[in-house]
Each structure stands twice: as C-alpha cells, then as structure tokens.
Amino acid sequence: MQINQFRYLVALAKERHFGRAAASLGISQSALSQALRQFERHFGVPIVQRHQGGFHGFTREGEAVLALARQFIADHDRLLNTNWEDPDAHLTGTLRIALSPVAMTITSLLTAPFAAKYPGVKLSVLCKTMPEIERGLKEFEYDIGVTYLDGLTLGGLRPYALYEEAYYLLVPRDHPLSARKSIDWKEVGMLPLCLLSPHLHNRIIIDRILESVGIVPQAVIETNCSLGLFAHMRTGNWLTVVPHSYFYLLGDWVSIRSIPIVNPSETATIGIVIHEREPLMPAVRAFVEIAQQTGVGKQLDRYRA
C-alpha cells in the first residue's frame, strides 16, 4: 500500500462523492475507483458502499480502514517534518489549528509568540464549531483545537485550560444602561438582544444561564459572525452579550461600554485540545508549551472594563 492510496480514502470521506474526491486529488475517477478496489482486495472486505454507481458511505470495515488511513497519514506527516538531530531546533511543516468563533479573538496571543520562536512552521488557522473541532481532531484533520472544554467529549483527546471566560453586556456609551456597574442575567434576558446562532456553544451557554433564572432565551437578531454582533450593537437598537476575551479586539473603543453580568456570575473554560497520542508532533508540543507560558488569562484581564 502507498501513502497516496490512503489519501484517496480520506479524500473520499471528506467529499462524500467519487467525482469530487477524484477532482480534489487531481486524478481521474477511474483511477480512484481502481485504488479503492485494490484496498478492498488487500483487506479482503468491502470498504465502500455503492448505490447506482454513486458513493453511499463506508461499510463497518471501511470505517475501520478509514481510521487507520487517517492515523497513518498523520504519523507519516509528523515523521516527515521531524528534525532527527534536534526535533525542536528547526521546526518546519504546517500546524493546523482549529478555533471556535469566540476563541478566534485571542488567536494572536497564541500564534504570535509561537511564530516568533519557530518561524519555519506555517500556521493554518481555521474557525470551526466545537463539534467540528472535536471530530477534526479525532480524524487527524487538525493538529490543535482551541475551544470550550465544558461539554467536550474528551475520549481520545487531551485538554489544557487557558482561561475562564466571563460575560458582559455591550451597549453604546450613550445608552441609558451605560452608567450601570453591573446587571443581572434576568434583566439582560428582557432586553432586545443580538446573539450568536443557537448551534454555537457560546449561545448554548447564554441560553442555559438565562433558563436558570427563569427567562426563555430569545434574540431579536441571530448571527454566526461576531462582527454581526458589533455592527448591530453600535446602532443602539440592539444590545449583545460577549465574553471578556472580545475586549482584546475592541481595545479602547470609546463609544462602547461593557457591563459585567451577575446573578449568577457564570464562567466557562476555554482551552487547547490535542489528540491523546504519543509521541506528540514536535510542533504541537511546542505550541502547547508556549501557550501555557503565555498566560492568556492574565493578558485578557488587562482589557476588562
């Protein structure tokens, strides 16, 4: 078996279509089909379910071979990028980092010190939902995840806490609430809110807190983009709830007031997640070590209102 044949299988799992998988690999569909048949002959079991000539999923045996293919490719790429004389001296290759939307705000606090020490490593930074990060790590699609640790299924994954996320109400400086020193969640739940989409974990947390104080979660506007929150809040017609990590991006915006939300004073843990396997890819180990030394939580505290 050749490494490319394993990549064929992973490409098919990603595209879920013979033609698109072949196109993504730069080969003909007949070449892909031939490689898949060779896989099935080699393992002596059907791997792909076909229906009327089209892809219809993987068999149980195929899922097992797919998992093997993903791990084989990950191990191959890790070894390919290893400096055997000194694995940490001159790291190269690409580090694939998947972050949840709220964690994107603090990306540079992690990537900047790493890039300064290891300029030979290319960083691929992607915004993904928590389920996508979890799946991608377990399927070796990403090397590092930065997301909520609460509610994450950690089987096969290793977490490293970075900071505790606290919540604030953002209002324009000329809003009637702008002079408040704090505000209760119950009162927040009765305001015209613009919030992130219901499937995003930040919104799930906010809804859970509101439900705990007897408020049915409602939002006048929902968006899957943080920029949408700021854009609507700036009009004064809608307000929004954000984690304090957003203040790192907002900086000294004099037209915005942030009000701590209390009763209850809830927090959620944001951290790094990697695949539970040894030995670790040198770049992954280095990234985790630098992130732990950076003190992200203390840096973010400087931007609290």
Protein backbone atom coordinates (compact mmCIF):
# COMPACT_ATOMS: atom_id res chain seq x y z
CA MET A 1 0.00 0.00 0.00
CA GLN A 2 1.23 3.50 -0.87
CA ILE A 3 0.66 6.72 1.09
CA ASN A 4 -1.33 8.21 -1.80
CA GLN A 5 -3.85 5.38 -1.64
CA PHE A 6 -4.56 6.25 1.98
CA ARG A 7 -5.03 9.87 0.94
CA TYR A 8 -7.57 8.72 -1.65
CA LEU A 9 -9.66 7.14 1.07
CA VAL A 10 -9.51 10.24 3.29
CA ALA A 11 -10.44 12.48 0.35
CA LEU A 12 -13.49 10.33 -0.37
CA ALA A 13 -14.56 10.57 3.27
CA LYS A 14 -14.30 14.35 3.07
CA GLU A 15 -16.07 14.85 -0.26
CA ARG A 16 -18.63 12.00 0.05
CA HIS A 17 -18.67 11.82 -3.76
CA PHE A 18 -16.47 9.87 -6.19
CA GLY A 19 -16.17 12.64 -8.78
CA ARG A 20 -15.44 15.43 -6.30
CA ALA A 21 -12.92 13.28 -4.43
CA ALA A 22 -11.08 12.45 -7.65
CA ALA A 23 -11.07 16.12 -8.68
CA SER A 24 -9.67 17.20 -5.30
CA LEU A 25 -6.86 14.67 -5.73
CA GLY A 26 -6.12 15.64 -9.31
CA ILE A 27 -6.77 12.14 -10.64
CA SER A 28 -9.43 10.54 -12.80
CA GLN A 29 -12.48 8.92 -11.25
CA SER A 30 -11.48 5.60 -12.80
CA ALA A 31 -8.07 5.82 -11.09
CA LEU A 32 -9.80 6.47 -7.77
CA SER A 33 -12.15 3.53 -8.28
CA GLN A 34 -9.22 1.27 -9.15
CA ALA A 35 -7.39 2.31 -5.96
CA LEU A 36 -10.48 1.62 -3.87
CA ARG A 37 -10.88 -1.83 -5.43
CA GLN A 38 -7.23 -2.52 -4.62
CA PHE A 39 -7.91 -1.54 -1.00
CA GLU A 40 -10.80 -4.00 -0.86
CA ARG A 41 -8.74 -6.80 -2.38
CA HIS A 42 -5.86 -6.10 0.03
CA PHE A 43 -8.05 -6.23 3.15
CA GLY A 44 -10.41 -8.87 1.78
CA VAL A 45 -13.57 -6.95 2.75
CA PRO A 46 -15.88 -4.41 1.07
CA ILE A 47 -14.87 -0.89 2.15
CA VAL A 48 -17.20 1.39 0.20
CA GLN A 49 -20.98 1.16 -0.10
CA ARG A 50 -22.07 1.90 -3.66
CA HIS A 51 -25.58 2.61 -4.91
CA GLN A 52 -26.35 3.02 -8.61
CA GLY A 53 -22.70 3.79 -9.26
CA GLY A 54 -22.53 6.50 -6.61
CA PHE A 55 -20.93 6.76 -3.19
CA HIS A 56 -23.28 5.64 -0.44
CA GLY A 57 -20.98 5.62 2.59
CA PHE A 58 -18.44 3.28 4.15
CA THR A 59 -19.03 -0.22 5.43
CA ARG A 60 -18.22 -1.04 9.05
CA GLU A 61 -14.93 -2.48 7.87
CA GLY A 62 -14.40 0.58 5.70
CA GLU A 63 -14.76 2.89 8.70
CA ALA A 64 -12.03 0.91 10.47
CA VAL A 65 -9.73 1.15 7.44
CA LEU A 66 -10.51 4.87 7.16
CA ALA A 67 -9.45 5.41 10.78
CA LEU A 68 -6.23 3.52 10.02
CA ALA A 69 -5.65 5.68 6.94
CA ARG A 70 -6.10 8.92 8.88
CA GLN A 71 -3.69 7.85 11.60
CA PHE A 72 -1.17 6.57 9.06
CA ILE A 73 -1.18 9.88 7.19
CA ALA A 74 -0.86 11.87 10.43
CA ASP A 75 2.10 9.73 11.55
CA HIS A 76 3.71 9.95 8.12
CA ASP A 77 3.46 13.74 8.00
CA ARG A 78 4.72 14.07 11.57
CA LEU A 79 7.80 11.96 10.82
CA LEU A 80 8.37 13.77 7.54
CA ASN A 81 8.62 17.10 9.38
CA THR A 82 10.86 15.82 12.18
CA ASN A 83 14.42 17.08 12.51
CA TRP A 84 16.08 13.91 13.77
CA GLU A 85 19.23 15.65 15.04
CA ASP A 86 17.22 18.01 17.26
CA PRO A 87 13.42 17.75 16.87
CA ASP A 88 12.85 21.19 18.41
CA ALA A 89 15.72 23.13 16.87
CA HIS A 90 14.31 23.97 13.46
CA LEU A 91 10.66 23.02 13.31
CA THR A 92 9.09 23.07 9.86
CA GLY A 93 5.87 21.99 8.20
CA THR A 94 2.31 23.19 8.76
CA LEU A 95 0.44 23.32 12.06
CA ARG A 96 -3.33 23.10 11.56
CA ILE A 97 -5.20 24.99 14.29
CA ALA A 98 -8.99 24.98 14.56
CA LEU A 99 -10.61 27.54 16.87
CA SER A 100 -14.19 28.10 17.95
CA PRO A 101 -15.60 31.54 16.97
CA VAL A 102 -15.09 33.08 20.43
CA ALA A 103 -11.51 31.76 20.62
CA MET A 104 -10.63 33.45 17.31
CA THR A 105 -10.47 36.73 19.22
CA ILE A 106 -7.38 35.62 21.13
CA THR A 107 -5.66 33.76 18.29
CA SER A 108 -2.70 36.12 18.02
CA LEU A 109 -1.96 35.79 21.75
CA LEU A 110 -1.12 32.16 20.95
CA THR A 111 0.26 32.31 17.42
CA ALA A 112 2.49 35.39 17.75
CA PRO A 113 4.88 34.01 20.41
CA PHE A 114 4.96 30.63 18.67
CA ALA A 115 5.74 32.15 15.27
CA ALA A 116 8.45 34.33 16.81
CA LYS A 117 10.24 31.26 18.19
CA TYR A 118 9.53 28.88 15.29
CA PRO A 119 9.36 30.94 12.07
CA GLY A 120 9.80 27.81 9.97
CA VAL A 121 6.34 26.50 10.84
CA LYS A 122 3.44 27.63 8.69
CA LEU A 123 0.23 28.17 10.67
CA SER A 124 -3.17 27.30 9.21
CA VAL A 125 -5.83 28.97 11.39
CA LEU A 126 -9.45 27.94 10.82
CA CYS A 127 -12.71 29.00 12.50
CA LYS A 128 -14.81 25.92 13.34
CA THR A 129 -17.64 24.94 15.66
CA MET A 130 -16.90 22.85 18.74
CA PRO A 131 -18.32 19.62 17.19
CA GLU A 132 -16.24 20.24 14.05
CA ILE A 133 -13.10 20.71 16.15
CA GLU A 134 -13.75 17.55 18.14
CA ARG A 135 -14.41 15.49 15.02
CA GLY A 136 -11.46 17.01 13.13
CA LEU A 137 -9.01 16.25 15.93
CA LYS A 138 -10.17 12.66 16.25
CA GLU A 139 -9.94 12.21 12.49
CA PHE A 140 -6.47 13.85 12.32
CA GLU A 141 -7.79 16.71 10.19
CA TYR A 142 -6.48 19.28 12.70
CA ASP A 143 -3.43 19.22 14.97
CA ILE A 144 -4.70 21.60 17.66
CA GLY A 145 -8.11 22.81 18.77
CA VAL A 146 -8.87 25.90 20.86
CA THR A 147 -12.40 25.81 22.19
CA TYR A 148 -14.66 25.37 25.21
CA LEU A 149 -13.60 22.49 27.42
CA ASP A 150 -17.01 22.32 29.11
CA GLY A 151 -19.19 19.77 27.36
CA LEU A 152 -16.41 18.46 25.14
CA THR A 153 -16.24 14.68 24.73
CA LEU A 154 -12.63 14.13 25.74
CA GLY A 155 -12.31 10.45 24.86
CA GLY A 156 -9.06 10.28 22.89
CA LEU A 157 -8.34 13.99 23.44
CA ARG A 158 -6.08 15.82 25.90
CA PRO A 159 -7.18 19.24 27.27
CA TYR A 160 -5.11 22.18 28.57
CA ALA A 161 -7.04 25.02 30.22
CA LEU A 162 -6.12 28.57 29.16
CA TYR A 163 -8.60 30.92 30.88
CA GLU A 164 -12.07 31.31 32.35
CA GLU A 165 -14.48 33.21 30.12
CA ALA A 166 -16.71 35.80 31.86
CA TYR A 167 -19.71 37.56 30.28
CA TYR A 168 -20.51 41.22 29.69
CA LEU A 169 -23.34 43.21 28.17
CA LEU A 170 -22.12 45.57 25.44
CA VAL A 171 -24.00 48.85 24.99
CA PRO A 172 -23.26 52.12 23.15
CA ARG A 173 -21.82 54.75 25.51
CA ASP A 174 -24.90 56.97 25.14
CA HIS A 175 -27.31 54.12 26.02
CA PRO A 176 -29.46 54.53 29.19
CA LEU A 177 -27.74 51.46 30.71
CA SER A 178 -24.20 52.68 30.08
CA ALA A 179 -23.69 54.01 33.64
CA ARG A 180 -24.53 50.68 35.28
CA LYS A 181 -21.78 48.95 37.26
CA SER A 182 -23.38 45.52 36.77
CA ILE A 183 -26.58 43.95 35.50
CA ASP A 184 -28.48 40.75 36.35
CA TRP A 185 -28.96 37.99 33.80
CA LYS A 186 -32.72 38.20 34.31
CA GLU A 187 -32.73 41.83 33.22
CA VAL A 188 -30.41 41.04 30.30
CA GLY A 189 -32.86 38.41 29.07
CA MET A 190 -35.59 41.05 28.72
CA LEU A 191 -33.51 43.38 26.51
CA PRO A 192 -33.54 43.44 22.68
CA LEU A 193 -30.54 41.21 22.04
CA CYS A 194 -28.39 40.31 19.07
CA LEU A 195 -26.74 36.97 19.84
CA LEU A 196 -24.73 34.28 18.11
CA SER A 197 -26.61 31.47 16.37
CA PRO A 198 -28.27 28.80 18.59
CA HIS A 199 -25.97 25.99 17.41
CA LEU A 200 -22.81 27.77 18.60
CA HIS A 201 -21.58 26.80 22.06
CA ASN A 202 -21.34 30.39 23.31
CA ARG A 203 -25.05 30.81 22.61
CA ILE A 204 -25.83 27.46 24.22
CA ILE A 205 -24.12 28.68 27.40
CA ILE A 206 -26.00 32.00 27.37
CA ASP A 207 -29.33 30.24 26.83
CA ARG A 208 -28.60 27.85 29.70
CA ILE A 209 -27.82 30.72 32.07
CA LEU A 210 -30.98 32.61 31.08
CA GLU A 211 -33.08 29.47 31.58
CA SER A 212 -31.56 29.05 35.05
CA VAL A 213 -33.03 32.43 36.09
CA GLY A 214 -36.44 31.69 34.58
CA ILE A 215 -36.05 33.52 31.27
CA VAL A 216 -36.98 31.92 27.95
CA PRO A 217 -33.97 32.71 25.72
CA GLN A 218 -34.88 34.98 22.83
CA ALA A 219 -32.88 37.08 20.41
CA VAL A 220 -34.22 39.67 18.00
CA ILE A 221 -31.25 39.05 15.71
CA GLU A 222 -29.06 35.94 15.43
CA THR A 223 -25.78 35.70 13.54
CA ASN A 224 -22.95 33.19 13.18
CA CYS A 225 -20.39 36.01 12.92
CA SER A 226 -19.06 38.09 15.81
CA LEU A 227 -18.76 41.13 13.56
CA GLY A 228 -22.53 40.98 13.18
CA LEU A 229 -22.89 41.39 16.94
CA PHE A 230 -20.80 44.56 17.00
CA ALA A 231 -22.44 46.03 13.90
CA HIS A 232 -25.96 45.73 15.34
CA MET A 233 -24.98 46.82 18.84
CA ARG A 234 -23.43 50.03 17.50
CA THR A 235 -26.83 51.22 16.25
CA GLY A 236 -28.22 51.29 19.79
CA ASN A 237 -31.31 49.35 18.70
CA TRP A 238 -29.91 46.04 19.94
CA LEU A 239 -27.51 45.01 22.68
CA THR A 240 -25.29 41.96 22.85
CA VAL A 241 -23.64 39.60 25.33
CA VAL A 242 -19.98 38.76 24.76
CA PRO A 243 -17.14 37.05 26.64
CA HIS A 244 -14.46 39.34 28.06
CA SER A 245 -11.94 37.94 25.56
CA TYR A 246 -13.61 40.15 22.93
CA PHE A 247 -12.19 43.22 24.67
CA TYR A 248 -8.77 42.30 23.31
CA LEU A 249 -10.15 43.11 19.85
CA LEU A 250 -12.33 46.03 20.91
CA GLY A 251 -9.40 47.74 22.61
CA ASP A 252 -10.12 51.35 23.53
CA TRP A 253 -13.33 51.85 21.55
CA VAL A 254 -14.58 54.92 23.42
CA SER A 255 -18.10 54.57 22.02
CA ILE A 256 -18.75 51.23 23.78
CA ARG A 257 -19.49 50.39 27.42
CA SER A 258 -19.17 46.89 28.85
CA ILE A 259 -21.25 45.92 31.88
CA PRO A 260 -20.47 42.79 33.95
CA ILE A 261 -23.41 40.37 34.08
CA VAL A 262 -24.07 38.90 37.53
CA ASN A 263 -26.57 36.80 39.46
CA PRO A 264 -25.25 34.31 38.58
CA SER A 265 -21.61 35.17 37.82
CA GLU A 266 -21.02 32.34 35.37
CA THR A 267 -17.79 31.40 33.61
CA ALA A 268 -16.74 28.79 31.05
CA THR A 269 -13.30 27.29 30.44
CA ILE A 270 -11.50 27.91 27.15
CA GLY A 271 -8.52 25.72 26.42
CA ILE A 272 -6.34 23.84 23.99
CA VAL A 273 -7.25 20.31 22.93
CA ILE A 274 -4.94 17.88 21.17
CA HIS A 275 -5.08 14.23 20.19
CA GLU A 276 -4.23 11.84 23.03
CA ARG A 277 -1.25 10.09 21.48
CA GLU A 278 2.48 9.68 21.98
CA PRO A 279 4.91 10.76 20.81
CA LEU A 280 3.47 14.21 20.17
CA MET A 281 4.29 16.01 16.96
CA PRO A 282 7.16 18.38 17.99
CA ALA A 283 5.31 21.47 16.72
CA VAL A 284 2.20 20.52 18.71
CA ARG A 285 4.22 20.03 21.87
CA ALA A 286 6.00 23.36 21.34
CA PHE A 287 2.72 25.20 20.71
CA VAL A 288 1.15 23.84 23.90
CA GLU A 289 4.21 24.71 25.98
CA ILE A 290 4.32 28.29 24.68
CA ALA A 291 0.57 28.73 25.16
CA GLN A 292 0.85 27.64 28.79
CA GLN A 293 3.75 30.03 29.38
CA THR A 294 1.99 32.97 27.72
CA GLY A 295 -0.57 33.50 30.48
CA VAL A 296 -3.50 34.27 28.22
CA GLY A 297 -5.89 34.74 31.14
CA LYS A 298 -3.77 37.44 32.77
CA GLN A 299 -3.31 39.21 29.45
CA LEU A 300 -7.07 39.28 28.86
CA ASP A 301 -7.74 40.64 32.36
CA ARG A 302 -5.95 43.84 31.35
CA TYR A 303 -8.76 44.59 28.90
CA ARG A 304 -11.68 44.17 31.30
CA ALA A 305 -13.77 47.27 31.85
